[in-house]
C-alpha atoms as a PDB file:
ATOM      1  CA  UNK A   1       1.797  -7.067  43.271  1.00  0.00           C
ATOM      2  CA  UNK A   2       0.601  -6.139  39.502  1.00  0.00           C
ATOM      3  CA  UNK A   3      -2.347  -8.176  37.835  1.00  0.00           C
ATOM      4  CA  UNK A   4      -2.364  -8.836  34.155  1.00  0.00           C
ATOM      5  CA  UNK A   5      -4.926  -9.836  31.505  1.00  0.00           C
ATOM      6  CA  UNK A   6      -5.396  -9.870  27.338  1.00  0.00           C
ATOM      7  CA  UNK A   7      -7.881 -10.384  25.261  1.00  0.00           C
ATOM      8  CA  UNK A   8      -8.005 -11.011  21.559  1.00  0.00           C
ATOM      9  CA  UNK A   9     -11.747  -9.246  20.817  1.00  0.00           C
ATOM     10  CA  UNK A  10     -13.658 -10.225  18.003  1.00  0.00           C
ATOM     11  CA  UNK A  11     -10.979 -12.665  16.407  1.00  0.00           C
ATOM     12  CA  UNK A  12      -9.445 -15.778  15.906  1.00  0.00           C
ATOM     13  CA  UNK A  13      -6.352 -16.779  17.179  1.00  0.00           C
ATOM     14  CA  UNK A  14      -3.773 -15.360  14.225  1.00  0.00           C
ATOM     15  CA  UNK A  15      -6.803 -14.030  12.596  1.00  0.00           C
ATOM     16  CA  UNK A  16      -6.460 -10.455  12.811  1.00  0.00           C
ATOM     17  CA  UNK A  17      -6.896  -9.639   9.173  1.00  0.00           C
ATOM     18  CA  UNK A  18      -8.659 -11.251   6.057  1.00  0.00           C
ATOM     19  CA  UNK A  19      -6.757 -11.529   2.499  1.00  0.00           C
ATOM     20  CA  UNK A  20      -8.866  -9.547  -0.028  1.00  0.00           C
ATOM     21  CA  UNK A  21      -9.713 -11.794  -3.182  1.00  0.00           C
ATOM     22  CA  UNK A  22     -10.307  -9.626  -4.957  1.00  0.00           C
ATOM     23  CA  UNK A  23      -7.484  -7.571  -5.362  1.00  0.00           C
ATOM     24  CA  UNK A  24      -5.495 -11.039  -5.330  1.00  0.00           C
ATOM     25  CA  UNK A  25      -7.269 -11.863  -8.498  1.00  0.00           C
ATOM     26  CA  UNK A  26      -7.390  -8.870 -10.239  1.00  0.00           C
ATOM     27  CA  UNK A  27      -3.873  -8.058  -9.881  1.00  0.00           C
ATOM     28  CA  UNK A  28      -3.042 -11.415 -10.662  1.00  0.00           C
ATOM     29  CA  UNK A  29      -4.859 -10.293 -14.122  1.00  0.00           C
ATOM     30  CA  UNK A  30      -2.764  -6.714 -14.320  1.00  0.00           C
ATOM     31  CA  UNK A  31       0.230  -8.697 -14.074  1.00  0.00           C
ATOM     32  CA  UNK A  32      -1.338 -10.986 -17.481  1.00  0.00           C
ATOM     33  CA  UNK A  33      -2.516  -7.624 -19.150  1.00  0.00           C
ATOM     34  CA  UNK A  34       1.135  -5.962 -18.136  1.00  0.00           C
ATOM     35  CA  UNK A  35       3.650  -8.481 -19.028  1.00  0.00           C
ATOM     36  CA  UNK A  36       1.988  -8.905 -22.605  1.00  0.00           C
ATOM     37  CA  UNK A  37       1.571  -5.422 -23.488  1.00  0.00           C
ATOM     38  CA  UNK A  38       5.630  -5.365 -22.446  1.00  0.00           C
ATOM     39  CA  UNK A  39       5.972  -7.892 -25.125  1.00  0.00           C
ATOM     40  CA  UNK A  40       3.981  -6.179 -27.660  1.00  0.00           C
ATOM     41  CA  UNK A  41       6.204  -3.199 -26.904  1.00  0.00           C
ATOM     42  CA  UNK A  42       9.878  -4.730 -26.650  1.00  0.00           C
ATOM     43  CA  UNK A  43       9.030  -6.650 -29.965  1.00  0.00           C
ATOM     44  CA  UNK A  44       7.550  -3.104 -31.885  1.00  0.00           C
ATOM     45  CA  UNK A  45      10.628  -1.348 -30.316  1.00  0.00           C
ATOM     46  CA  UNK A  46      13.211  -3.687 -31.855  1.00  0.00           C
ATOM     47  CA  UNK A  47      10.976  -4.102 -35.303  1.00  0.00           C
ATOM     48  CA  UNK A  48      10.791  -0.960 -35.941  1.00  0.00           C
ATOM     49  CA  UNK A  49      13.793   0.669 -34.468  1.00  0.00           C
ATOM     50  CA  UNK A  50      12.579   2.853 -32.144  1.00  0.00           C
ATOM     51  CA  UNK A  51      14.531   3.338 -28.910  1.00  0.00           C
ATOM     52  CA  UNK A  52      10.804   4.664 -26.774  1.00  0.00           C
ATOM     53  CA  UNK A  53       9.399   1.887 -27.427  1.00  0.00           C
ATOM     54  CA  UNK A  54      12.211  -0.344 -26.457  1.00  0.00           C
ATOM     55  CA  UNK A  55      13.589   2.040 -23.291  1.00  0.00           C
ATOM     56  CA  UNK A  56       9.127   1.756 -21.553  1.00  0.00           C
ATOM     57  CA  UNK A  57       8.837  -1.706 -22.424  1.00  0.00           C
ATOM     58  CA  UNK A  58      12.177  -2.427 -20.358  1.00  0.00           C
ATOM     59  CA  UNK A  59      10.513  -0.061 -17.534  1.00  0.00           C
ATOM     60  CA  UNK A  60       7.196  -2.011 -17.874  1.00  0.00           C
ATOM     61  CA  UNK A  61       9.155  -4.708 -17.424  1.00  0.00           C
ATOM     62  CA  UNK A  62      10.463  -3.746 -13.995  1.00  0.00           C
ATOM     63  CA  UNK A  63       6.819  -3.122 -13.687  1.00  0.00           C
ATOM     64  CA  UNK A  64       5.816  -6.777 -14.211  1.00  0.00           C
ATOM     65  CA  UNK A  65       7.998  -8.024 -11.906  1.00  0.00           C
ATOM     66  CA  UNK A  66       6.648  -5.412  -9.045  1.00  0.00           C
ATOM     67  CA  UNK A  67       3.457  -6.638  -9.878  1.00  0.00           C
ATOM     68  CA  UNK A  68       3.750 -10.316  -9.115  1.00  0.00           C
ATOM     69  CA  UNK A  69       5.405  -9.354  -6.175  1.00  0.00           C
ATOM     70  CA  UNK A  70       2.003  -7.852  -5.164  1.00  0.00           C
ATOM     71  CA  UNK A  71       0.458 -11.725  -6.540  1.00  0.00           C
ATOM     72  CA  UNK A  72       2.630 -13.158  -4.529  1.00  0.00           C
ATOM     73  CA  UNK A  73       2.614 -11.746  -1.219  1.00  0.00           C
ATOM     74  CA  UNK A  74      -1.348 -12.154  -1.132  1.00  0.00           C
ATOM     75  CA  UNK A  75      -0.483 -15.966  -2.085  1.00  0.00           C
ATOM     76  CA  UNK A  76       1.685 -15.764   0.625  1.00  0.00           C
ATOM     77  CA  UNK A  77      -0.602 -14.554   3.271  1.00  0.00           C
ATOM     78  CA  UNK A  78      -3.822 -16.335   2.000  1.00  0.00           C
ATOM     79  CA  UNK A  79      -1.365 -19.684   2.372  1.00  0.00           C
ATOM     80  CA  UNK A  80       0.798 -18.768   5.969  1.00  0.00           C
ATOM     81  CA  UNK A  81      -3.027 -17.372   7.568  1.00  0.00           C
ATOM     82  CA  UNK A  82      -3.357 -19.682  10.017  1.00  0.00           C
ATOM     83  CA  UNK A  83       0.805 -21.055  11.000  1.00  0.00           C
ATOM     84  CA  UNK A  84       1.265 -20.840  14.464  1.00  0.00           C
ATOM     85  CA  UNK A  85       4.602 -18.827  13.548  1.00  0.00           C
ATOM     86  CA  UNK A  86       2.840 -15.240  12.987  1.00  0.00           C
ATOM     87  CA  UNK A  87       2.034 -13.973  16.048  1.00  0.00           C
ATOM     88  CA  UNK A  88      -0.082 -11.904  14.745  1.00  0.00           C
ATOM     89  CA  UNK A  89      -1.337 -12.738  11.844  1.00  0.00           C
ATOM     90  CA  UNK A  90       0.540 -12.594   8.195  1.00  0.00           C
ATOM     91  CA  UNK A  91      -0.737  -8.549   7.329  1.00  0.00           C
ATOM     92  CA  UNK A  92       3.155  -7.325   7.089  1.00  0.00           C
ATOM     93  CA  UNK A  93       3.414  -9.564   4.529  1.00  0.00           C
ATOM     94  CA  UNK A  94       1.380  -7.533   2.173  1.00  0.00           C
ATOM     95  CA  UNK A  95       3.182  -4.383   3.727  1.00  0.00           C
ATOM     96  CA  UNK A  96       6.433  -6.101   2.700  1.00  0.00           C
ATOM     97  CA  UNK A  97       5.658  -6.348  -0.199  1.00  0.00           C
ATOM     98  CA  UNK A  98       4.292  -2.686  -0.357  1.00  0.00           C
ATOM     99  CA  UNK A  99       7.492  -1.893   0.055  1.00  0.00           C
ATOM    100  CA  UNK A 100       9.966  -3.805  -2.162  1.00  0.00           C
ATOM    101  CA  UNK A 101       7.407  -2.978  -4.849  1.00  0.00           C
ATOM    102  CA  UNK A 102       8.174   0.497  -3.871  1.00  0.00           C
ATOM    103  CA  UNK A 103      11.995   0.339  -3.845  1.00  0.00           C
ATOM    104  CA  UNK A 104      11.689  -0.717  -7.074  1.00  0.00           C
ATOM    105  CA  UNK A 105       9.923   2.222  -8.319  1.00  0.00           C
ATOM    106  CA  UNK A 106      11.803   4.061  -7.043  1.00  0.00           C
ATOM    107  CA  UNK A 107      14.305   2.123  -8.831  1.00  0.00           C
ATOM    108  CA  UNK A 108      12.706   3.200 -12.211  1.00  0.00           C
ATOM    109  CA  UNK A 109      12.213   6.515 -11.333  1.00  0.00           C
ATOM    110  CA  UNK A 110      16.212   6.384 -11.377  1.00  0.00           C
ATOM    111  CA  UNK A 111      15.998   4.921 -14.571  1.00  0.00           C
ATOM    112  CA  UNK A 112      13.397   6.952 -16.861  1.00  0.00           C
ATOM    113  CA  UNK A 113      15.630   9.873 -15.384  1.00  0.00           C
ATOM    114  CA  UNK A 114      18.859   8.609 -16.551  1.00  0.00           C
ATOM    115  CA  UNK A 115      17.530   7.488 -20.036  1.00  0.00           C
ATOM    116  CA  UNK A 116      15.583  10.936 -20.642  1.00  0.00           C
ATOM    117  CA  UNK A 117      18.953  13.085 -20.235  1.00  0.00           C
ATOM    118  CA  UNK A 118      20.990  10.806 -21.610  1.00  0.00           C
ATOM    119  CA  UNK A 119      18.735  11.502 -24.504  1.00  0.00           C
ATOM    120  CA  UNK A 120      18.486  15.080 -24.323  1.00  0.00           C
ATOM    121  CA  UNK A 121      22.242  15.728 -24.824  1.00  0.00           C
ATOM    122  CA  UNK A 122      22.094  12.955 -27.330  1.00  0.00           C
ATOM    123  CA  UNK A 123      19.211  12.898 -28.994  1.00  0.00           C
ATOM    124  CA  UNK A 124      18.095   9.750 -31.377  1.00  0.00           C
ATOM    125  CA  UNK A 125      15.839   9.502 -34.528  1.00  0.00           C
ATOM    126  CA  UNK A 126      11.741   8.306 -33.577  1.00  0.00           C
ATOM    127  CA  UNK A 127       9.322   6.334 -35.691  1.00  0.00           C
ATOM    128  CA  UNK A 128       6.560   8.341 -34.931  1.00  0.00           C
ATOM    129  CA  UNK A 129       3.951   6.468 -36.486  1.00  0.00           C
ATOM    130  CA  UNK A 130       4.519   3.644 -34.920  1.00  0.00           C
ATOM    131  CA  UNK A 131       6.024   5.218 -30.888  1.00  0.00           C
ATOM    132  CA  UNK A 132       2.311   6.214 -31.423  1.00  0.00           C
ATOM    133  CA  UNK A 133      -0.082   3.409 -32.034  1.00  0.00           C
ATOM    134  CA  UNK A 134       1.995   1.219 -29.208  1.00  0.00           C
ATOM    135  CA  UNK A 135       1.933   4.211 -26.765  1.00  0.00           C
ATOM    136  CA  UNK A 136      -1.687   4.371 -27.339  1.00  0.00           C
ATOM    137  CA  UNK A 137      -2.222   0.971 -27.192  1.00  0.00           C
ATOM    138  CA  UNK A 138      -0.192   0.662 -23.426  1.00  0.00           C
ATOM    139  CA  UNK A 139      -2.239   3.477 -22.545  1.00  0.00           C
ATOM    140  CA  UNK A 140      -5.344   1.520 -22.894  1.00  0.00           C
ATOM    141  CA  UNK A 141      -4.252  -2.085 -21.233  1.00  0.00           C
ATOM    142  CA  UNK A 142      -2.581   0.731 -18.260  1.00  0.00           C
ATOM    143  CA  UNK A 143      -6.433   2.415 -18.038  1.00  0.00           C
ATOM    144  CA  UNK A 144      -7.997  -0.617 -17.602  1.00  0.00           C
ATOM    145  CA  UNK A 145      -5.433  -1.938 -15.393  1.00  0.00           C
ATOM    146  CA  UNK A 146      -6.383   0.575 -12.979  1.00  0.00           C
ATOM    147  CA  UNK A 147      -9.834   0.613 -13.599  1.00  0.00           C
ATOM    148  CA  UNK A 148      -9.610  -3.524 -12.208  1.00  0.00           C
ATOM    149  CA  UNK A 149      -7.674  -2.597  -9.069  1.00  0.00           C
ATOM    150  CA  UNK A 150      -9.539   0.281  -8.309  1.00  0.00           C
ATOM    151  CA  UNK A 151     -12.753  -2.203  -8.553  1.00  0.00           C
ATOM    152  CA  UNK A 152     -11.462  -3.560  -5.945  1.00  0.00           C
ATOM    153  CA  UNK A 153     -10.478  -1.478  -3.453  1.00  0.00           C
ATOM    154  CA  UNK A 154     -13.994  -0.416  -3.571  1.00  0.00           C
ATOM    155  CA  UNK A 155     -15.197  -3.271  -3.137  1.00  0.00           C
ATOM    156  CA  UNK A 156     -13.424  -4.491  -0.349  1.00  0.00           C
ATOM    157  CA  UNK A 157     -13.451  -1.026   1.641  1.00  0.00           C
ATOM    158  CA  UNK A 158     -17.381  -1.478   1.272  1.00  0.00           C
ATOM    159  CA  UNK A 159     -17.380  -5.159   2.354  1.00  0.00           C
ATOM    160  CA  UNK A 160     -15.438  -4.236   5.678  1.00  0.00           C
ATOM    161  CA  UNK A 161     -17.301  -0.607   6.141  1.00  0.00           C
ATOM    162  CA  UNK A 162     -20.913  -2.829   5.774  1.00  0.00           C
ATOM    163  CA  UNK A 163     -18.965  -5.337   8.211  1.00  0.00           C
ATOM    164  CA  UNK A 164     -17.786  -2.839  10.807  1.00  0.00           C
ATOM    165  CA  UNK A 165     -20.908  -1.382  10.916  1.00  0.00           C
ATOM    166  CA  UNK A 166     -23.145  -4.345  11.830  1.00  0.00           C
ATOM    167  CA  UNK A 167     -20.864  -6.115  13.932  1.00  0.00           C
ATOM    168  CA  UNK A 168     -20.077  -3.429  15.797  1.00  0.00           C
ATOM    169  CA  UNK A 169     -22.149  -0.057  15.667  1.00  0.00           C
ATOM    170  CA  UNK A 170     -19.514   1.805  16.621  1.00  0.00           C
ATOM    171  CA  UNK A 171     -18.461   4.665  15.324  1.00  0.00           C
ATOM    172  CA  UNK A 172     -15.650   7.218  15.762  1.00  0.00           C
ATOM    173  CA  UNK A 173     -15.103   9.267  12.997  1.00  0.00           C
ATOM    174  CA  UNK A 174     -11.275   8.249  12.127  1.00  0.00           C
ATOM    175  CA  UNK A 175      -9.699   6.972   9.337  1.00  0.00           C
ATOM    176  CA  UNK A 176      -7.737   4.225  11.264  1.00  0.00           C
ATOM    177  CA  UNK A 177      -5.941   2.504   8.394  1.00  0.00           C
ATOM    178  CA  UNK A 178      -7.873   0.325   6.000  1.00  0.00           C
ATOM    179  CA  UNK A 179      -6.251   0.789   2.527  1.00  0.00           C
ATOM    180  CA  UNK A 180      -4.542  -2.959   1.228  1.00  0.00           C
ATOM    181  CA  UNK A 181      -0.974  -1.624   1.190  1.00  0.00           C
ATOM    182  CA  UNK A 182      -0.103  -4.077  -1.047  1.00  0.00           C
ATOM    183  CA  UNK A 183      -3.100  -3.044  -3.338  1.00  0.00           C
ATOM    184  CA  UNK A 184      -2.114   0.819  -3.445  1.00  0.00           C
ATOM    185  CA  UNK A 185       1.743  -0.118  -4.190  1.00  0.00           C
ATOM    186  CA  UNK A 186      -0.077  -2.374  -7.027  1.00  0.00           C
ATOM    187  CA  UNK A 187      -2.191   0.295  -8.346  1.00  0.00           C
ATOM    188  CA  UNK A 188       0.686   3.209  -8.454  1.00  0.00           C
ATOM    189  CA  UNK A 189       2.534   1.093 -10.543  1.00  0.00           C
ATOM    190  CA  UNK A 190      -0.256   0.450 -13.462  1.00  0.00           C
ATOM    191  CA  UNK A 191      -0.680   4.661 -12.626  1.00  0.00           C
ATOM    192  CA  UNK A 192       3.009   5.287 -13.135  1.00  0.00           C
ATOM    193  CA  UNK A 193       2.563   3.353 -16.566  1.00  0.00           C
ATOM    194  CA  UNK A 194      -0.246   5.258 -17.082  1.00  0.00           C
ATOM    195  CA  UNK A 195       1.138   8.728 -16.503  1.00  0.00           C
ATOM    196  CA  UNK A 196       3.851   7.847 -18.228  1.00  0.00           C
ATOM    197  CA  UNK A 197       2.304   6.674 -20.985  1.00  0.00           C
ATOM    198  CA  UNK A 198       0.136   9.898 -21.094  1.00  0.00           C
ATOM    199  CA  UNK A 199       3.299  11.654 -21.378  1.00  0.00           C
ATOM    200  CA  UNK A 200       4.433   9.589 -24.081  1.00  0.00           C
ATOM    201  CA  UNK A 201       1.932  10.344 -26.457  1.00  0.00           C
ATOM    202  CA  UNK A 202       1.420  13.907 -25.875  1.00  0.00           C
ATOM    203  CA  UNK A 203       5.464  14.235 -26.388  1.00  0.00           C
ATOM    204  CA  UNK A 204       5.382  11.980 -29.971  1.00  0.00           C
ATOM    205  CA  UNK A 205       3.146  14.094 -30.882  1.00  0.00           C
ATOM    206  CA  UNK A 206       4.930  16.990 -30.590  1.00  0.00           C
ATOM    207  CA  UNK A 207       7.621  15.809 -32.039  1.00  0.00           C
ATOM    208  CA  UNK A 208       5.777  14.759 -34.927  1.00  0.00           C
ATOM    209  CA  UNK A 209       3.748  17.260 -35.384  1.00  0.00           C
ATOM    210  CA  UNK A 210       5.525  20.645 -34.419  1.00  0.00           C
ATOM    211  CA  UNK A 211       8.904  19.428 -34.529  1.00  0.00           C
ATOM    212  CA  UNK A 212       9.624  19.063 -31.211  1.00  0.00           C
ATOM    213  CA  UNK A 213      12.411  16.338 -31.028  1.00  0.00           C
ATOM    214  CA  UNK A 214      13.388  16.915 -26.888  1.00  0.00           C
ATOM    215  CA  UNK A 215       9.561  16.877 -25.624  1.00  0.00           C
ATOM    216  CA  UNK A 216      10.499  13.443 -25.913  1.00  0.00           C
ATOM    217  CA  UNK A 217      13.464  13.096 -23.325  1.00  0.00           C
ATOM    218  CA  UNK A 218      12.052  16.222 -21.625  1.00  0.00           C
ATOM    219  CA  UNK A 219       7.970  15.177 -20.667  1.00  0.00           C
ATOM    220  CA  UNK A 220      10.284  12.104 -19.378  1.00  0.00           C
ATOM    221  CA  UNK A 221      11.930  13.606 -17.063  1.00  0.00           C
ATOM    222  CA  UNK A 222       8.917  15.322 -15.862  1.00  0.00           C
ATOM    223  CA  UNK A 223       7.254  12.149 -15.339  1.00  0.00           C
ATOM    224  CA  UNK A 224      10.144  10.578 -13.833  1.00  0.00           C
ATOM    225  CA  UNK A 225       9.697  13.193 -10.222  1.00  0.00           C
ATOM    226  CA  UNK A 226       6.176  12.375 -10.520  1.00  0.00           C
ATOM    227  CA  UNK A 227       6.453   9.327 -10.285  1.00  0.00           C
ATOM    228  CA  UNK A 228       9.383   9.538  -7.398  1.00  0.00           C
ATOM    229  CA  UNK A 229       6.939  11.697  -5.208  1.00  0.00           C
ATOM    230  CA  UNK A 230       4.298   8.714  -5.171  1.00  0.00           C
ATOM    231  CA  UNK A 231       6.972   6.309  -4.414  1.00  0.00           C
ATOM    232  CA  UNK A 232       7.919   8.071  -1.504  1.00  0.00           C
ATOM    233  CA  UNK A 233       4.898   8.351  -0.513  1.00  0.00           C
ATOM    234  CA  UNK A 234       4.476   4.640  -0.548  1.00  0.00           C
ATOM    235  CA  UNK A 235       7.883   3.576   1.045  1.00  0.00           C
ATOM    236  CA  UNK A 236       6.925   6.110   3.846  1.00  0.00           C
ATOM    237  CA  UNK A 237       3.731   4.676   4.768  1.00  0.00           C
ATOM    238  CA  UNK A 238       5.378   0.961   4.421  1.00  0.00           C
ATOM    239  CA  UNK A 239       8.142   2.398   6.412  1.00  0.00           C
ATOM    240  CA  UNK A 240       5.986   2.941   8.791  1.00  0.00           C
ATOM    241  CA  UNK A 241       3.897  -0.009   9.547  1.00  0.00           C
ATOM    242  CA  UNK A 242       6.842  -2.333   9.282  1.00  0.00           C
ATOM    243  CA  UNK A 243       8.508  -0.350  11.932  1.00  0.00           C
ATOM    244  CA  UNK A 244       5.293  -0.309  14.037  1.00  0.00           C
ATOM    245  CA  UNK A 245       5.983   3.709  14.410  1.00  0.00           C
ATOM    246  CA  UNK A 246       1.853   4.256  15.080  1.00  0.00           C
ATOM    247  CA  UNK A 247       2.153   5.932  18.473  1.00  0.00           C
ATOM    248  CA  UNK A 248       0.325   9.178  16.949  1.00  0.00           C
ATOM    249  CA  UNK A 249      -2.023   7.146  15.698  1.00  0.00           C
ATOM    250  CA  UNK A 250      -5.609   8.489  17.183  1.00  0.00           C
ATOM    251  CA  UNK A 251      -6.465   5.602  19.028  1.00  0.00           C
ATOM    252  CA  UNK A 252      -3.806   5.835  21.240  1.00  0.00           C
ATOM    253  CA  UNK A 253      -5.004   9.549  21.876  1.00  0.00           C
ATOM    254  CA  UNK A 254      -8.196   7.299  22.642  1.00  0.00           C
ATOM    255  CA  UNK A 255      -7.108   4.542  24.959  1.00  0.00           C
ATOM    256  CA  UNK A 256      -5.351   7.931  27.385  1.00  0.00           C
ATOM    257  CA  UNK A 257      -8.694   8.894  27.262  1.00  0.00           C
ATOM    258  CA  UNK A 258     -10.233   5.970  28.285  1.00  0.00           C
ATOM    259  CA  UNK A 259      -8.088   5.918  31.592  1.00  0.00           C
ATOM    260  CA  UNK A 260      -8.344   9.721  31.857  1.00  0.00           C
ATOM    261  CA  UNK A 261     -12.049   9.348  32.439  1.00  0.00           C
ATOM    262  CA  UNK A 262     -12.340   5.699  34.428  1.00  0.00           C
ATOM    263  CA  UNK A 263     -14.781   6.762  36.926  1.00  0.00           C
ATOM    264  CA  UNK A 264     -11.739   4.897  38.880  1.00  0.00           C
ATOM    265  CA  UNK A 265      -8.768   6.904  39.925  1.00  0.00           C
ATOM    266  CA  UNK A 266      -6.252   5.741  37.780  1.00  0.00           C
ATOM    267  CA  UNK A 267      -2.450   6.964  36.522  1.00  0.00           C
ATOM    268  CA  UNK A 268      -1.078   5.539  32.609  1.00  0.00           C
ATOM    269  CA  UNK A 269       2.070   4.133  33.556  1.00  0.00           C
ATOM    270  CA  UNK A 270       3.109   2.815  30.344  1.00  0.00           C
ATOM    271  CA  UNK A 271       1.491   2.527  26.412  1.00  0.00           C
ATOM    272  CA  UNK A 272       2.357   0.306  23.455  1.00  0.00           C
ATOM    273  CA  UNK A 273       0.181   0.079  20.579  1.00  0.00           C
ATOM    274  CA  UNK A 274       1.029  -1.421  16.988  1.00  0.00           C
ATOM    275  CA  UNK A 275      -1.251  -2.065  14.017  1.00  0.00           C
ATOM    276  CA  UNK A 276      -2.077  -5.544  13.247  1.00  0.00           C
ATOM    277  CA  UNK A 277      -4.262  -5.581  10.227  1.00  0.00           C
ATOM    278  CA  UNK A 278      -6.130  -3.251   7.916  1.00  0.00           C
ATOM    279  CA  UNK A 279      -7.434  -0.678  11.102  1.00  0.00           C
ATOM    280  CA  UNK A 280      -6.701  -3.018  13.287  1.00  0.00           C
ATOM    281  CA  UNK A 281      -4.417  -2.726  16.287  1.00  0.00           C
ATOM    282  CA  UNK A 282      -2.802  -4.373  19.455  1.00  0.00           C
ATOM    283  CA  UNK A 283      -2.500  -2.516  22.304  1.00  0.00           C
ATOM    284  CA  UNK A 284      -0.373  -3.365  25.723  1.00  0.00           C
ATOM    285  CA  UNK A 285      -2.052  -1.004  28.761  1.00  0.00           C
ATOM    286  CA  UNK A 286      -0.228  -0.396  32.316  1.00  0.00           C
ATOM    287  CA  UNK A 287      -2.073   1.943  34.866  1.00  0.00           C
ATOM    288  CA  UNK A 288      -1.526   2.351  38.420  1.00  0.00           C
ATOM    289  CA  UNK A 289      -5.255   1.935  40.136  1.00  0.00           C
ATOM    290  CA  UNK A 290      -7.755   0.520  42.650  1.00  0.00           C
ATOM    291  CA  UNK A 291      -9.415  -1.357  39.968  1.00  0.00           C
ATOM    292  CA  UNK A 292      -8.926  -4.841  37.989  1.00  0.00           C
ATOM    293  CA  UNK A 293      -7.465  -5.552  34.763  1.00  0.00           C
ATOM    294  CA  UNK A 294     -11.298  -6.688  33.620  1.00  0.00           C
ATOM    295  CA  UNK A 295     -12.593  -2.980  34.266  1.00  0.00           C
ATOM    296  CA  UNK A 296     -10.290  -1.448  32.111  1.00  0.00           C
ATOM    297  CA  UNK A 297     -10.785  -3.899  29.236  1.00  0.00           C
ATOM    298  CA  UNK A 298     -14.624  -3.622  29.339  1.00  0.00           C
ATOM    299  CA  UNK A 299     -14.136   0.683  29.092  1.00  0.00           C
ATOM    300  CA  UNK A 300     -11.324  -0.621  25.838  1.00  0.00           C
ATOM    301  CA  UNK A 301     -13.979  -2.771  24.577  1.00  0.00           C
ATOM    302  CA  UNK A 302     -16.062   0.068  22.653  1.00  0.00           C
ATOM    303  CA  UNK A 303     -12.773   0.620  19.974  1.00  0.00           C
ATOM    304  CA  UNK A 304     -13.522  -2.205  18.326  1.00  0.00           C
ATOM    305  CA  UNK A 305     -10.131  -2.004  16.261  1.00  0.00           C
ATOM    306  CA  UNK A 306      -8.516  -2.945  19.346  1.00  0.00           C
ATOM    307  CA  UNK A 307      -8.160  -7.029  18.472  1.00  0.00           C
ATOM    308  CA  UNK A 308      -5.737  -7.874  21.423  1.00  0.00           C
ATOM    309  CA  UNK A 309      -5.739  -6.195  24.275  1.00  0.00           C
ATOM    310  CA  UNK A 310      -3.167  -6.746  27.248  1.00  0.00           C
ATOM    311  CA  UNK A 311      -3.877  -4.935  30.506  1.00  0.00           C
ATOM    312  CA  UNK A 312      -1.703  -4.461  33.211  1.00  0.00           C
ATOM    313  CA  UNK A 313      -2.690  -3.186  36.373  1.00  0.00           C
ATOM    314  CA  UNK A 314      -0.118  -2.213  40.089  1.00  0.00           C
ATOM    315  CA  UNK A 315      -1.423  -1.032  43.110  1.00  0.00           C
ATOM    316  CA  UNK A 316      -1.127   2.965  43.671  1.00  0.00           C
ATOM    317  CA  UNK A 317       1.881   4.146  45.222  1.00  0.00           C
ATOM    318  CA  UNK A 318       0.854   4.825  49.050  1.00  0.00           C
ATOM    319  CA  UNK A 319       1.793   8.182  49.984  1.00  0.00           C
END
């Protein structure tokens, strides 16, 4: 006869993770700044007949959409936080927002690459002075946006670590995934804009002063490969979480070690671990032993990142 026991340690019902209010607020401001800069670049490109500025403006518009998705993900996660339909909270809404942003970033890469190759094959005249001025303005806005988002990430991590140390007093030396992937996706979009602005300024300066007109498209093509690497990294990290691919996380080995080191002879029969928040996990543990589920839950309680634990104990097989 098997015995079951479960607990949600250190958390209220459905409250496995907090929404980062600083990240939500600053991401909203970044959306506004980026949208204003996008309009300026589009109007300037049309007024001065600069295809480079028009292309950068449309490129920025995709980031406005992606950043808007990040803000929407924060708002939706906060609004539905206590909704009983979400068995493990709304954290994955933020993850889904990051994944969608990564897909949009990949689309931007394809658009950038297409435009750059087209320009290499069919060069267009560029109004260098006007383009340089607006590209510099765009870089300033992107750097300010990146600074705001980086500050939100640092503030959230500092607050989380401070609370973790004082509430739990447990330090295991591992990084168990405290990253805000929605914030990370927003930061990547802003960083991509900043990188393309730097490359654009360098290319425009080379075209104006060294008569190297091909630099505009050539450097843009190089920049698209850098952005592609960021998009792939974000797709991999968010995709893993959406698919619950966490059985190689350090906490899995720690759970196995707890069962092996127990004072009661025990054999681990089944184990399922998945993430339910930033650095927070749920697990189902099935063991064969002459002990109660509460015994193993007590052993696992030291790992405070385990916020929901289900233990099944089956009697050992009779020889």
